[in-house]
Amino acid sequence: MTGRLDPLFSRTLPEGDTHQRDVCDHCGFVAYENPKIVVGSVVTHRGKVLLCRRAIEPRHGYWTVPAGYLELGETPEEGARREAREEANADLELHGLLAVYTVRRLSQVQLIYRATLADGVFSPGIESLETQLFDWDAIPWDDLAFPTVHWMLGHQRAFEAGKGVGPFGNPVGAD
């Protein structure tokens, strides 16, 4: 025995709370579990949209927009720019929030921005097999990585067509 108390957590309802939580039996510390925040961008350049083919799981080999988890101490805008650098070696100009999606089964909240390439330069980053600018009619719709990628591309098109100003949300019945 080292004289140290290893925490032992019990699932209980803390006083004044509305949800069961893991609470330390020794000191009462409450270990909150909160949704993960994903940040990303629908990036356009000269009427085309930038997609990245994933080099990582989940959905290795499928196409997506540059996006990923927000880091501690980072603003959503900083995170969206960082993800574009990591996945597409791209510098972005952000033009506002396109959408906020909730993926309940994954406990995710996704903040997706409208963006353009700052200098027109991009290439596959460490998390991408390839990157490409697609005309809207050439997007590989059957090979998109996640349902939310379909949503965000559709919302970008709606925005461009003047059929909404955003931020958009989950399609009706989807979550």
Protein backbone atom coordinates (compact mmCIF):
# COMPACT_ATOMS: atom_id res chain seq x y z
CA MET A 1 0.00 0.00 0.00
CA THR A 2 1.35 3.40 -0.99
CA GLY A 3 -0.79 5.45 1.34
CA ARG A 4 -2.62 6.94 -1.61
CA LEU A 5 -6.36 6.58 -2.03
CA ASP A 6 -7.24 5.39 -5.51
CA PRO A 7 -10.52 6.93 -6.57
CA LEU A 8 -13.49 4.64 -6.59
CA PHE A 9 -16.49 5.97 -8.47
CA SER A 10 -20.11 5.06 -8.00
CA ARG A 11 -22.91 5.87 -10.41
CA THR A 12 -25.33 8.05 -8.47
CA LEU A 13 -27.56 11.10 -8.68
CA PRO A 14 -25.65 14.02 -7.12
CA GLU A 15 -27.68 16.36 -4.93
CA GLY A 16 -29.40 19.00 -7.05
CA ASP A 17 -28.61 17.19 -10.33
CA THR A 18 -30.99 15.64 -12.85
CA HIS A 19 -28.71 12.91 -14.28
CA GLN A 20 -26.89 9.92 -12.88
CA ARG A 21 -23.14 10.66 -12.73
CA ASP A 22 -19.90 8.95 -11.73
CA VAL A 23 -19.08 10.36 -8.29
CA CYS A 24 -15.85 9.72 -6.34
CA ASP A 25 -16.64 7.80 -3.14
CA HIS A 26 -13.73 9.51 -1.34
CA CYS A 27 -14.08 13.20 -2.15
CA GLY A 28 -17.40 13.63 -3.97
CA PHE A 29 -15.80 14.74 -7.26
CA VAL A 30 -18.35 14.49 -10.08
CA ALA A 31 -16.92 13.16 -13.37
CA TYR A 32 -19.13 14.87 -15.93
CA GLU A 33 -19.40 13.38 -19.40
CA ASN A 34 -20.30 15.97 -22.00
CA PRO A 35 -20.77 15.95 -25.77
CA LYS A 36 -17.76 16.16 -28.05
CA ILE A 37 -17.57 19.21 -30.28
CA VAL A 38 -16.63 18.71 -33.94
CA VAL A 39 -15.56 21.72 -36.02
CA GLY A 40 -15.11 21.88 -39.76
CA SER A 41 -15.81 23.73 -42.97
CA VAL A 42 -17.43 23.40 -46.34
CA VAL A 43 -14.61 24.92 -48.38
CA THR A 44 -15.32 26.31 -51.83
CA HIS A 45 -12.98 27.66 -54.49
CA ARG A 46 -14.07 28.99 -57.88
CA GLY A 47 -17.44 27.26 -57.68
CA LYS A 48 -16.04 23.90 -56.59
CA VAL A 49 -16.02 22.20 -53.19
CA LEU A 50 -12.93 20.80 -51.46
CA LEU A 51 -13.18 17.21 -50.22
CA CYS A 52 -10.64 15.02 -48.47
CA ARG A 53 -10.46 11.24 -48.82
CA ARG A 54 -9.88 9.86 -45.32
CA ALA A 55 -6.62 8.08 -44.50
CA ILE A 56 -7.89 7.16 -41.02
CA GLU A 57 -10.76 5.25 -39.46
CA PRO A 58 -13.61 5.53 -39.15
CA ARG A 59 -14.60 5.41 -42.83
CA HIS A 60 -11.07 5.09 -44.25
CA GLY A 61 -11.12 5.82 -48.00
CA TYR A 62 -14.37 7.79 -47.96
CA TRP A 63 -14.71 11.49 -48.76
CA THR A 64 -15.43 14.23 -46.23
CA VAL A 65 -14.95 17.92 -45.58
CA PRO A 66 -12.02 19.01 -43.40
CA ALA A 67 -13.34 18.56 -39.86
CA GLY A 68 -12.47 17.04 -36.50
CA TYR A 69 -12.64 17.43 -32.76
CA LEU A 70 -12.15 20.81 -31.15
CA GLU A 71 -9.08 20.92 -28.89
CA LEU A 72 -9.03 22.32 -25.35
CA GLY A 73 -8.29 26.05 -25.28
CA GLU A 74 -9.18 26.48 -28.96
CA THR A 75 -12.01 28.57 -30.42
CA PRO A 76 -14.27 26.84 -32.93
CA GLU A 77 -12.89 29.08 -35.69
CA GLU A 78 -9.29 28.20 -34.76
CA GLY A 79 -10.24 24.53 -34.72
CA ALA A 80 -11.86 24.68 -38.17
CA ARG A 81 -8.74 26.34 -39.59
CA ARG A 82 -6.46 23.82 -37.88
CA GLU A 83 -8.45 20.88 -39.23
CA ALA A 84 -8.15 22.28 -42.78
CA ARG A 85 -4.37 22.57 -42.34
CA GLU A 86 -4.11 19.03 -40.93
CA GLU A 87 -6.31 17.37 -43.54
CA ALA A 88 -5.76 19.48 -46.64
CA ASN A 89 -2.70 21.70 -46.00
CA ALA A 90 -5.10 24.56 -46.66
CA ASP A 91 -5.40 28.02 -45.19
CA LEU A 92 -9.00 29.19 -44.96
CA GLU A 93 -11.00 32.35 -44.88
CA LEU A 94 -14.11 31.67 -42.79
CA HIS A 95 -17.37 33.34 -43.83
CA GLY A 96 -19.72 32.47 -41.01
CA LEU A 97 -21.41 29.52 -39.45
CA LEU A 98 -23.19 27.29 -41.98
CA ALA A 99 -24.75 24.74 -39.64
CA VAL A 100 -24.97 23.26 -36.17
CA TYR A 101 -25.73 19.53 -36.15
CA THR A 102 -26.47 17.18 -33.29
CA VAL A 103 -25.47 13.54 -33.64
CA ARG A 104 -27.18 12.17 -30.55
CA ARG A 105 -25.97 8.54 -30.84
CA LEU A 106 -22.34 9.77 -30.79
CA SER A 107 -22.92 12.63 -28.31
CA GLN A 108 -21.52 15.07 -30.86
CA VAL A 109 -22.30 18.66 -31.66
CA GLN A 110 -20.90 19.73 -35.03
CA LEU A 111 -20.15 23.38 -35.85
CA ILE A 112 -19.65 23.73 -39.60
CA TYR A 113 -18.43 26.94 -41.25
CA ARG A 114 -18.64 28.32 -44.77
CA ALA A 115 -15.11 28.89 -46.03
CA THR A 116 -12.95 29.62 -49.06
CA LEU A 117 -9.32 28.79 -49.72
CA ALA A 118 -7.22 31.79 -48.69
CA ASP A 119 -4.67 31.28 -51.47
CA GLY A 120 -6.06 28.45 -53.63
CA VAL A 121 -3.41 26.04 -52.35
CA PHE A 122 -4.20 22.61 -50.91
CA SER A 123 -2.75 19.09 -50.82
CA PRO A 124 -3.34 15.91 -48.80
CA GLY A 125 -2.44 16.28 -45.16
CA ILE A 126 -1.42 13.46 -42.85
CA GLU A 127 -5.05 12.37 -42.31
CA SER A 128 -5.98 12.35 -46.03
CA LEU A 129 -5.21 9.98 -48.88
CA GLU A 130 -6.05 12.69 -51.39
CA THR A 131 -7.76 16.05 -51.65
CA GLN A 132 -9.72 17.34 -54.60
CA LEU A 133 -11.93 20.19 -55.74
CA PHE A 134 -15.21 18.84 -57.09
CA ASP A 135 -17.83 20.43 -59.31
CA TRP A 136 -21.17 20.02 -57.55
CA ASP A 137 -22.39 17.49 -60.11
CA ALA A 138 -19.20 15.40 -59.73
CA ILE A 139 -19.25 15.00 -55.93
CA PRO A 140 -18.95 11.28 -55.07
CA TRP A 141 -22.24 11.23 -53.17
CA ASP A 142 -22.22 7.45 -52.66
CA ASP A 143 -18.72 7.61 -51.18
CA LEU A 144 -19.22 10.36 -48.59
CA ALA A 145 -18.03 9.31 -45.15
CA PHE A 146 -20.89 10.42 -42.92
CA PRO A 147 -24.56 11.45 -43.14
CA THR A 148 -23.67 14.92 -41.85
CA VAL A 149 -21.39 15.47 -44.87
CA HIS A 150 -24.47 15.03 -47.07
CA TRP A 151 -26.36 17.49 -44.87
CA MET A 152 -23.66 20.16 -44.92
CA LEU A 153 -23.12 19.98 -48.68
CA GLY A 154 -26.88 20.26 -49.20
CA HIS A 155 -27.05 23.20 -46.84
CA GLN A 156 -24.14 24.90 -48.61
CA ARG A 157 -26.00 24.56 -51.91
CA ALA A 158 -29.18 25.93 -50.32
CA PHE A 159 -27.23 28.89 -48.94
CA GLU A 160 -25.66 29.57 -52.35
CA ALA A 161 -29.10 29.42 -53.99
CA GLY A 162 -30.50 31.93 -51.48
CA LYS A 163 -32.76 29.31 -49.88
CA GLY A 164 -31.61 30.02 -46.35
CA VAL A 165 -29.15 32.11 -44.44
CA GLY A 166 -28.06 29.62 -41.79
CA PRO A 167 -27.06 28.43 -39.49
CA PHE A 168 -28.89 25.34 -40.62
CA GLY A 169 -29.62 22.38 -38.35
CA ASN A 170 -30.40 18.69 -38.58
CA PRO A 171 -32.82 17.76 -41.34
CA VAL A 172 -36.30 16.95 -40.03
CA GLY A 173 -36.32 13.46 -38.50
CA ALA A 174 -32.53 13.13 -38.46
CA ASP A 175 -30.37 13.03 -35.37
